[in-house]
Amino acid sequence: MYEKPKCTFYGETNDINALIGCVIRTLDKADMGKEKLEYIRKISRDGNMFDSAIKISSNYVEFMEIE
């Protein structure tokens, strides 16, 4: 596969739109256009709940803790 880019999610808990935006920006910065399109398709199809969106997103990025 590939090394996952690091994503720091600052959104409110259960804010699915902030989560998706964070992941898309991270994939853009990492120049991972193919993965970004794949992510958008999967999240649009299966990610309508925050828990499933986190699961899908974690396949594409590594979430970093805020210190």
N, C-alpha and C. Protein backbone atom coordinates (compact mmCIF):
# COMPACT_ATOMS: atom_id res chain seq x y z
N MET A 1 0.84 -1.17 0.00
CA MET A 1 0.00 0.00 0.00
C MET A 1 0.89 1.24 0.00
N TYR A 2 0.61 2.24 0.76
CA TYR A 2 1.38 3.46 0.81
C TYR A 2 1.46 3.94 2.26
N GLU A 3 2.39 4.84 2.51
CA GLU A 3 2.49 5.41 3.85
C GLU A 3 1.37 6.44 4.01
N LYS A 4 0.62 6.31 5.07
CA LYS A 4 -0.52 7.20 5.29
C LYS A 4 -0.02 8.58 5.72
N PRO A 5 -0.57 9.64 5.11
CA PRO A 5 -0.22 10.98 5.57
C PRO A 5 -0.85 11.23 6.95
N LYS A 6 -0.25 12.13 7.70
CA LYS A 6 -0.73 12.42 9.05
C LYS A 6 -1.77 13.53 9.01
N CYS A 7 -2.87 13.31 9.73
CA CYS A 7 -3.98 14.25 9.76
C CYS A 7 -4.30 14.60 11.21
N THR A 8 -4.35 15.90 11.51
CA THR A 8 -4.75 16.35 12.84
C THR A 8 -6.16 16.90 12.73
N PHE A 9 -7.10 16.21 13.35
CA PHE A 9 -8.51 16.58 13.28
C PHE A 9 -8.86 17.47 14.45
N TYR A 10 -9.23 18.73 14.15
CA TYR A 10 -9.55 19.72 15.18
C TYR A 10 -11.05 19.90 15.37
N GLY A 11 -11.87 19.19 14.63
CA GLY A 11 -13.31 19.42 14.66
C GLY A 11 -13.98 18.97 15.93
N GLU A 12 -15.22 19.34 16.04
CA GLU A 12 -16.04 18.90 17.15
C GLU A 12 -16.29 17.40 17.04
N THR A 13 -16.48 16.77 18.16
CA THR A 13 -16.82 15.35 18.16
C THR A 13 -18.11 15.16 17.36
N ASN A 14 -18.13 14.18 16.52
CA ASN A 14 -19.26 13.83 15.67
C ASN A 14 -19.53 14.83 14.54
N ASP A 15 -18.58 15.71 14.22
CA ASP A 15 -18.74 16.64 13.11
C ASP A 15 -18.18 15.98 11.85
N ILE A 16 -19.04 15.27 11.15
CA ILE A 16 -18.62 14.47 10.00
C ILE A 16 -18.08 15.35 8.88
N ASN A 17 -18.66 16.54 8.68
CA ASN A 17 -18.19 17.42 7.59
C ASN A 17 -16.77 17.92 7.86
N ALA A 18 -16.47 18.25 9.12
CA ALA A 18 -15.11 18.68 9.46
C ALA A 18 -14.12 17.54 9.27
N LEU A 19 -14.53 16.34 9.64
CA LEU A 19 -13.67 15.16 9.48
C LEU A 19 -13.35 14.92 8.01
N ILE A 20 -14.35 14.90 7.18
CA ILE A 20 -14.16 14.65 5.75
C ILE A 20 -13.29 15.74 5.13
N GLY A 21 -13.54 17.00 5.48
CA GLY A 21 -12.73 18.10 4.97
C GLY A 21 -11.27 17.97 5.36
N CYS A 22 -11.03 17.57 6.60
CA CYS A 22 -9.66 17.40 7.10
C CYS A 22 -8.94 16.31 6.30
N VAL A 23 -9.60 15.20 6.08
CA VAL A 23 -8.98 14.08 5.35
C VAL A 23 -8.72 14.48 3.90
N ILE A 24 -9.66 15.14 3.27
CA ILE A 24 -9.49 15.54 1.88
C ILE A 24 -8.33 16.53 1.74
N ARG A 25 -8.24 17.51 2.64
CA ARG A 25 -7.11 18.47 2.60
C ARG A 25 -5.78 17.75 2.81
N THR A 26 -5.76 16.78 3.71
CA THR A 26 -4.53 16.04 3.98
C THR A 26 -4.10 15.25 2.75
N LEU A 27 -5.04 14.59 2.10
CA LEU A 27 -4.71 13.82 0.89
C LEU A 27 -4.27 14.75 -0.24
N ASP A 28 -4.89 15.93 -0.33
CA ASP A 28 -4.46 16.93 -1.32
C ASP A 28 -3.02 17.36 -1.09
N LYS A 29 -2.69 17.69 0.16
CA LYS A 29 -1.34 18.14 0.49
C LYS A 29 -0.31 17.07 0.21
N ALA A 30 -0.70 15.80 0.37
CA ALA A 30 0.21 14.69 0.14
C ALA A 30 0.25 14.29 -1.34
N ASP A 31 -0.45 15.05 -2.19
CA ASP A 31 -0.49 14.79 -3.63
C ASP A 31 -0.96 13.36 -3.92
N MET A 32 -2.05 12.98 -3.26
CA MET A 32 -2.60 11.64 -3.40
C MET A 32 -3.99 11.73 -4.04
N GLY A 33 -4.01 12.23 -5.27
CA GLY A 33 -5.27 12.45 -5.98
C GLY A 33 -6.09 11.20 -6.19
N LYS A 34 -5.44 10.11 -6.55
CA LYS A 34 -6.15 8.86 -6.79
C LYS A 34 -6.81 8.38 -5.49
N GLU A 35 -6.07 8.44 -4.39
CA GLU A 35 -6.61 8.02 -3.10
C GLU A 35 -7.73 8.95 -2.64
N LYS A 36 -7.58 10.25 -2.95
CA LYS A 36 -8.62 11.22 -2.59
C LYS A 36 -9.93 10.89 -3.29
N LEU A 37 -9.88 10.60 -4.58
CA LEU A 37 -11.09 10.26 -5.31
C LEU A 37 -11.71 8.97 -4.79
N GLU A 38 -10.88 7.99 -4.50
CA GLU A 38 -11.35 6.73 -3.93
C GLU A 38 -12.02 6.98 -2.57
N TYR A 39 -11.38 7.80 -1.75
CA TYR A 39 -11.92 8.14 -0.43
C TYR A 39 -13.29 8.82 -0.57
N ILE A 40 -13.39 9.79 -1.48
CA ILE A 40 -14.66 10.51 -1.67
C ILE A 40 -15.76 9.55 -2.09
N ARG A 41 -15.47 8.62 -2.99
CA ARG A 41 -16.47 7.64 -3.41
C ARG A 41 -16.91 6.77 -2.23
N LYS A 42 -15.94 6.28 -1.46
CA LYS A 42 -16.29 5.41 -0.33
C LYS A 42 -17.05 6.16 0.75
N ILE A 43 -16.61 7.35 1.08
CA ILE A 43 -17.25 8.11 2.15
C ILE A 43 -18.65 8.54 1.73
N SER A 44 -18.84 8.82 0.45
CA SER A 44 -20.17 9.19 -0.04
C SER A 44 -21.13 8.01 0.01
N ARG A 45 -20.60 6.83 -0.24
CA ARG A 45 -21.42 5.63 -0.27
C ARG A 45 -21.68 5.07 1.13
N ASP A 46 -20.65 5.01 1.98
CA ASP A 46 -20.76 4.28 3.24
C ASP A 46 -20.56 5.11 4.50
N GLY A 47 -20.19 6.37 4.38
CA GLY A 47 -19.77 7.13 5.54
C GLY A 47 -20.78 8.10 6.09
N ASN A 48 -22.07 7.75 6.07
CA ASN A 48 -23.07 8.71 6.52
C ASN A 48 -23.19 8.79 8.04
N MET A 49 -22.53 7.92 8.76
CA MET A 49 -22.49 7.97 10.22
C MET A 49 -21.05 8.30 10.63
N PHE A 50 -20.87 9.05 11.72
CA PHE A 50 -19.54 9.48 12.13
C PHE A 50 -18.63 8.29 12.39
N ASP A 51 -19.13 7.24 13.05
CA ASP A 51 -18.29 6.07 13.35
C ASP A 51 -17.79 5.38 12.08
N SER A 52 -18.66 5.24 11.10
CA SER A 52 -18.22 4.60 9.84
C SER A 52 -17.28 5.54 9.08
N ALA A 53 -17.50 6.85 9.18
CA ALA A 53 -16.61 7.80 8.51
C ALA A 53 -15.21 7.76 9.12
N ILE A 54 -15.12 7.62 10.44
CA ILE A 54 -13.81 7.49 11.10
C ILE A 54 -13.10 6.23 10.62
N LYS A 55 -13.85 5.14 10.55
CA LYS A 55 -13.26 3.86 10.12
C LYS A 55 -12.73 3.96 8.69
N ILE A 56 -13.52 4.51 7.80
CA ILE A 56 -13.10 4.67 6.40
C ILE A 56 -11.91 5.61 6.32
N SER A 57 -11.98 6.73 7.04
CA SER A 57 -10.92 7.74 7.00
C SER A 57 -9.60 7.18 7.50
N SER A 58 -9.65 6.33 8.52
CA SER A 58 -8.41 5.79 9.09
C SER A 58 -7.71 4.83 8.14
N ASN A 59 -8.38 4.41 7.09
CA ASN A 59 -7.73 3.61 6.05
C ASN A 59 -6.86 4.48 5.14
N TYR A 60 -7.09 5.79 5.16
CA TYR A 60 -6.39 6.70 4.25
C TYR A 60 -5.40 7.62 4.94
N VAL A 61 -5.65 7.95 6.21
CA VAL A 61 -4.76 8.86 6.94
C VAL A 61 -4.49 8.30 8.34
N GLU A 62 -3.41 8.78 8.92
CA GLU A 62 -3.10 8.46 10.31
C GLU A 62 -3.47 9.68 11.13
N PHE A 63 -4.40 9.51 12.06
CA PHE A 63 -4.84 10.63 12.89
C PHE A 63 -3.82 10.89 13.99
N MET A 64 -3.48 12.16 14.15
CA MET A 64 -2.53 12.58 15.17
C MET A 64 -3.31 13.18 16.33
N GLU A 65 -2.81 12.95 17.55
CA GLU A 65 -3.45 13.51 18.73
C GLU A 65 -3.06 14.96 18.88
N ILE A 66 -3.99 15.75 19.38
CA ILE A 66 -3.71 17.15 19.67
C ILE A 66 -3.13 17.23 21.07
N GLU A 67 -1.99 17.88 21.20
CA GLU A 67 -1.34 17.98 22.51
C GLU A 67 -1.61 19.33 23.14
